């Protein structure tokens, strides 16, 4: 029997993984607030293969600012951001 997540960080770790959307991995970070979406995205990109694309799902309105800013600082690529009924889709890619 698995234990329920202890906090929002554990919940995010439990939701992330192998889902894909058009070839991009999905990182479901809905329910997390600033700065966690950017931090979890940075952590995932650090382990990504060069050229790998990840789409982050978030309902934090600041994530569409924080994640592209993190990408610019860390050398990752912000591909695009869209909003679907309050769920923001932020697509990022590891360059090198």
N, C-alpha and C. Protein backbone atom coordinates (compact mmCIF):
# COMPACT_ATOMS: atom_id res chain seq x y z
N UNK A 1 0.84 -1.18 0.00
CA UNK A 1 0.00 0.00 0.00
C UNK A 1 0.88 1.24 0.00
N UNK A 2 0.67 2.16 -0.95
CA UNK A 2 1.51 3.34 -1.02
C UNK A 2 0.97 4.43 -0.10
N UNK A 3 1.90 5.22 0.39
CA UNK A 3 1.55 6.31 1.29
C UNK A 3 1.16 7.53 0.45
N UNK A 4 0.21 8.33 0.92
CA UNK A 4 -0.13 9.55 0.19
C UNK A 4 1.02 10.54 0.26
N UNK A 5 1.15 11.44 -0.74
CA UNK A 5 2.22 12.42 -0.72
C UNK A 5 2.14 13.29 0.53
N UNK A 6 3.32 13.64 1.08
CA UNK A 6 3.38 14.43 2.30
C UNK A 6 3.13 15.91 2.04
N UNK A 7 3.62 16.44 0.94
CA UNK A 7 3.44 17.85 0.65
C UNK A 7 3.36 18.04 -0.86
N UNK A 8 3.31 19.30 -1.28
CA UNK A 8 3.14 19.59 -2.70
C UNK A 8 4.32 19.10 -3.52
N UNK A 9 5.52 19.08 -2.96
CA UNK A 9 6.68 18.57 -3.71
C UNK A 9 6.53 17.08 -3.98
N UNK A 10 6.10 16.32 -2.97
CA UNK A 10 5.87 14.89 -3.17
C UNK A 10 4.75 14.65 -4.17
N UNK A 11 3.71 15.47 -4.11
CA UNK A 11 2.60 15.33 -5.05
C UNK A 11 3.06 15.56 -6.48
N UNK A 12 3.91 16.55 -6.68
CA UNK A 12 4.43 16.82 -8.03
C UNK A 12 5.29 15.67 -8.51
N UNK A 13 6.14 15.14 -7.65
CA UNK A 13 6.97 14.01 -8.04
C UNK A 13 6.11 12.81 -8.43
N UNK A 14 5.01 12.61 -7.73
CA UNK A 14 4.13 11.48 -8.00
C UNK A 14 3.40 11.64 -9.33
N UNK A 15 3.14 12.88 -9.78
CA UNK A 15 2.38 13.11 -11.01
C UNK A 15 3.25 13.17 -12.24
N UNK A 16 4.52 13.45 -12.12
CA UNK A 16 5.36 13.62 -13.29
C UNK A 16 5.75 12.27 -13.86
N UNK A 17 6.15 12.27 -15.12
CA UNK A 17 6.61 11.00 -15.65
C UNK A 17 6.46 10.85 -17.13
N UNK A 18 5.89 9.74 -17.54
CA UNK A 18 6.00 9.29 -18.91
C UNK A 18 4.84 9.68 -19.82
N UNK A 19 3.89 10.44 -19.32
CA UNK A 19 2.82 10.87 -20.21
C UNK A 19 3.43 11.68 -21.35
N UNK A 20 2.79 11.64 -22.51
CA UNK A 20 3.31 12.45 -23.61
C UNK A 20 2.18 13.09 -24.38
N UNK A 21 2.50 14.20 -25.00
CA UNK A 21 1.55 14.97 -25.79
C UNK A 21 2.26 15.32 -27.08
N UNK A 22 1.93 14.65 -28.16
CA UNK A 22 2.56 14.92 -29.44
C UNK A 22 4.07 14.75 -29.41
N UNK A 23 4.56 13.77 -28.69
CA UNK A 23 5.99 13.51 -28.63
C UNK A 23 6.70 14.21 -27.49
N UNK A 24 6.05 15.19 -26.85
CA UNK A 24 6.68 15.89 -25.73
C UNK A 24 6.24 15.25 -24.43
N UNK A 25 7.17 15.13 -23.51
CA UNK A 25 6.83 14.63 -22.18
C UNK A 25 5.97 15.67 -21.46
N UNK A 26 5.03 15.21 -20.66
CA UNK A 26 4.17 16.09 -19.88
C UNK A 26 4.67 16.12 -18.44
N UNK A 27 4.86 17.31 -17.91
CA UNK A 27 5.21 17.51 -16.52
C UNK A 27 4.03 18.22 -15.88
N UNK A 28 3.20 17.48 -15.16
CA UNK A 28 1.95 18.01 -14.60
C UNK A 28 2.23 18.64 -13.24
N UNK A 29 2.26 19.97 -13.21
CA UNK A 29 2.56 20.69 -11.99
C UNK A 29 1.38 21.54 -11.53
N UNK A 30 0.19 21.15 -11.95
CA UNK A 30 -1.00 21.87 -11.50
C UNK A 30 -1.12 21.75 -9.98
N UNK A 31 -1.54 22.85 -9.35
CA UNK A 31 -1.71 22.88 -7.92
C UNK A 31 -0.50 23.42 -7.17
N UNK A 32 0.62 23.56 -7.86
CA UNK A 32 1.83 24.11 -7.23
C UNK A 32 1.94 25.60 -7.54
N UNK A 33 2.43 26.34 -6.59
CA UNK A 33 2.58 27.78 -6.74
C UNK A 33 4.05 28.17 -6.79
N UNK A 34 4.28 29.34 -7.29
CA UNK A 34 5.60 29.95 -7.43
C UNK A 34 6.40 29.78 -6.13
N UNK A 35 7.62 29.35 -6.22
CA UNK A 35 8.48 29.12 -7.39
C UNK A 35 8.56 27.66 -7.81
N UNK A 36 7.71 26.79 -7.24
CA UNK A 36 7.84 25.35 -7.48
C UNK A 36 7.75 24.93 -8.94
N UNK A 37 6.83 25.48 -9.77
CA UNK A 37 6.81 25.03 -11.17
C UNK A 37 8.15 25.26 -11.89
N UNK A 38 8.76 26.41 -11.67
CA UNK A 38 10.06 26.68 -12.31
C UNK A 38 11.15 25.77 -11.76
N UNK A 39 11.13 25.52 -10.46
CA UNK A 39 12.16 24.66 -9.86
C UNK A 39 12.05 23.22 -10.34
N UNK A 40 10.82 22.68 -10.40
CA UNK A 40 10.64 21.31 -10.88
C UNK A 40 10.97 21.19 -12.37
N UNK A 41 10.66 22.24 -13.13
CA UNK A 41 10.99 22.24 -14.56
C UNK A 41 12.50 22.23 -14.74
N UNK A 42 13.20 23.05 -13.97
CA UNK A 42 14.66 23.10 -14.03
C UNK A 42 15.27 21.74 -13.69
N UNK A 43 14.74 21.11 -12.65
CA UNK A 43 15.24 19.80 -12.23
C UNK A 43 15.03 18.77 -13.34
N UNK A 44 13.86 18.77 -13.97
CA UNK A 44 13.58 17.80 -15.03
C UNK A 44 14.45 18.06 -16.25
N UNK A 45 14.63 19.34 -16.63
CA UNK A 45 15.46 19.67 -17.78
C UNK A 45 16.92 19.26 -17.56
N UNK A 46 17.38 19.33 -16.33
CA UNK A 46 18.77 18.95 -16.04
C UNK A 46 19.02 17.47 -16.35
N UNK A 47 17.96 16.65 -16.30
CA UNK A 47 18.09 15.22 -16.57
C UNK A 47 17.60 14.83 -17.96
N UNK A 48 17.18 15.81 -18.74
CA UNK A 48 16.66 15.54 -20.09
C UNK A 48 17.80 15.29 -21.07
N UNK A 49 17.48 14.59 -22.14
CA UNK A 49 18.43 14.40 -23.23
C UNK A 49 18.51 15.69 -24.05
N UNK A 50 19.63 15.94 -24.68
CA UNK A 50 19.76 17.11 -25.54
C UNK A 50 18.70 17.04 -26.63
N UNK A 51 17.97 18.13 -26.81
CA UNK A 51 16.91 18.20 -27.80
C UNK A 51 15.55 17.74 -27.29
N UNK A 52 15.50 17.17 -26.08
CA UNK A 52 14.23 16.68 -25.54
C UNK A 52 13.30 17.85 -25.22
N UNK A 53 12.03 17.67 -25.54
CA UNK A 53 11.01 18.68 -25.31
C UNK A 53 10.09 18.24 -24.18
N UNK A 54 9.76 19.17 -23.30
CA UNK A 54 8.88 18.90 -22.16
C UNK A 54 7.80 19.96 -22.14
N UNK A 55 6.55 19.54 -21.97
CA UNK A 55 5.44 20.47 -21.82
C UNK A 55 4.99 20.44 -20.37
N UNK A 56 5.04 21.61 -19.74
CA UNK A 56 4.66 21.76 -18.34
C UNK A 56 3.21 22.21 -18.28
N UNK A 57 2.39 21.51 -17.50
CA UNK A 57 1.02 21.92 -17.24
C UNK A 57 1.00 22.58 -15.87
N UNK A 58 0.49 23.80 -15.81
CA UNK A 58 0.44 24.52 -14.54
C UNK A 58 -0.77 25.43 -14.50
N UNK A 59 -1.28 25.64 -13.30
CA UNK A 59 -2.37 26.60 -13.13
C UNK A 59 -1.89 27.84 -12.37
N UNK A 60 -0.59 27.94 -12.16
CA UNK A 60 -0.01 29.12 -11.52
C UNK A 60 0.22 30.19 -12.59
N UNK A 61 -0.45 31.34 -12.49
CA UNK A 61 -0.31 32.37 -13.52
C UNK A 61 1.12 32.92 -13.62
N UNK A 62 1.90 32.85 -12.56
CA UNK A 62 3.27 33.36 -12.61
C UNK A 62 4.23 32.42 -13.34
N UNK A 63 3.85 31.18 -13.52
CA UNK A 63 4.74 30.21 -14.16
C UNK A 63 5.07 30.59 -15.60
N UNK A 64 4.15 31.27 -16.29
CA UNK A 64 4.42 31.66 -17.67
C UNK A 64 5.46 32.78 -17.74
N UNK A 65 5.78 33.37 -16.62
CA UNK A 65 6.87 34.33 -16.52
C UNK A 65 8.12 33.64 -15.97
N UNK A 66 7.94 32.89 -14.88
CA UNK A 66 9.06 32.27 -14.18
C UNK A 66 9.79 31.22 -15.01
N UNK A 67 9.05 30.36 -15.69
CA UNK A 67 9.70 29.26 -16.43
C UNK A 67 10.51 29.79 -17.62
N UNK A 68 9.96 30.70 -18.46
CA UNK A 68 10.82 31.25 -19.53
C UNK A 68 12.04 32.00 -18.98
N UNK A 69 11.87 32.69 -17.86
CA UNK A 69 13.00 33.40 -17.25
C UNK A 69 14.07 32.41 -16.79
N UNK A 70 13.65 31.31 -16.16
CA UNK A 70 14.59 30.28 -15.74
C UNK A 70 15.31 29.70 -16.95
N UNK A 71 14.58 29.46 -18.03
CA UNK A 71 15.19 28.91 -19.25
C UNK A 71 16.28 29.85 -19.78
N UNK A 72 15.99 31.14 -19.81
CA UNK A 72 16.97 32.11 -20.30
C UNK A 72 18.22 32.12 -19.42
N UNK A 73 18.05 32.02 -18.12
CA UNK A 73 19.19 32.03 -17.20
C UNK A 73 20.01 30.76 -17.26
N UNK A 74 19.35 29.62 -17.49
CA UNK A 74 20.02 28.32 -17.42
C UNK A 74 20.45 27.77 -18.77
N UNK A 75 20.12 28.46 -19.87
CA UNK A 75 20.53 28.01 -21.20
C UNK A 75 19.59 27.01 -21.84
N UNK A 76 18.36 26.92 -21.34
CA UNK A 76 17.35 26.07 -21.95
C UNK A 76 16.51 26.92 -22.91
N UNK A 77 15.71 26.28 -23.73
CA UNK A 77 14.89 26.99 -24.71
C UNK A 77 13.42 26.97 -24.30
N UNK A 78 12.82 28.15 -24.24
CA UNK A 78 11.38 28.27 -24.05
C UNK A 78 10.77 28.24 -25.44
N UNK A 79 10.02 27.19 -25.76
CA UNK A 79 9.46 27.02 -27.10
C UNK A 79 8.19 27.84 -27.26
N UNK A 80 7.23 27.68 -26.34
CA UNK A 80 5.99 28.44 -26.42
C UNK A 80 5.20 28.29 -25.12
N UNK A 81 4.25 29.19 -24.94
CA UNK A 81 3.31 29.12 -23.82
C UNK A 81 1.91 29.36 -24.34
N UNK A 82 0.96 28.55 -23.89
CA UNK A 82 -0.44 28.74 -24.26
C UNK A 82 -1.31 28.59 -23.02
N UNK A 83 -2.55 29.05 -23.12
CA UNK A 83 -3.49 28.96 -22.00
C UNK A 83 -4.74 28.25 -22.50
N UNK A 84 -5.08 27.13 -21.89
CA UNK A 84 -6.28 26.37 -22.23
C UNK A 84 -7.19 26.31 -21.01
N UNK A 85 -8.20 27.16 -20.97
CA UNK A 85 -9.17 27.16 -19.87
C UNK A 85 -8.51 27.21 -18.50
N UNK A 86 -7.54 28.11 -18.33
CA UNK A 86 -6.88 28.28 -17.04
C UNK A 86 -5.70 27.37 -16.79
N UNK A 87 -5.47 26.40 -17.66
CA UNK A 87 -4.28 25.55 -17.54
C UNK A 87 -3.26 26.05 -18.55
N UNK A 88 -2.13 26.47 -18.03
CA UNK A 88 -1.07 26.96 -18.90
C UNK A 88 -0.20 25.80 -19.35
N UNK A 89 0.11 25.80 -20.63
CA UNK A 89 1.00 24.80 -21.22
C UNK A 89 2.27 25.54 -21.60
N UNK A 90 3.36 25.23 -20.93
CA UNK A 90 4.65 25.87 -21.20
C UNK A 90 5.58 24.80 -21.75
N UNK A 91 6.00 24.97 -22.99
CA UNK A 91 6.85 23.98 -23.64
C UNK A 91 8.29 24.48 -23.64
N UNK A 92 9.18 23.61 -23.17
CA UNK A 92 10.60 23.94 -23.05
C UNK A 92 11.44 22.82 -23.67
N UNK A 93 12.70 23.14 -23.99
CA UNK A 93 13.58 22.15 -24.61
C UNK A 93 14.99 22.31 -24.06
N UNK A 94 15.66 21.19 -23.89
CA UNK A 94 17.07 21.23 -23.49
C UNK A 94 17.91 21.40 -24.75
N UNK A 95 18.72 22.43 -24.77
CA UNK A 95 19.58 22.71 -25.92
C UNK A 95 20.88 21.91 -25.84
N UNK A 96 21.50 21.94 -24.67
CA UNK A 96 22.81 21.25 -24.53
C UNK A 96 23.02 20.83 -23.10
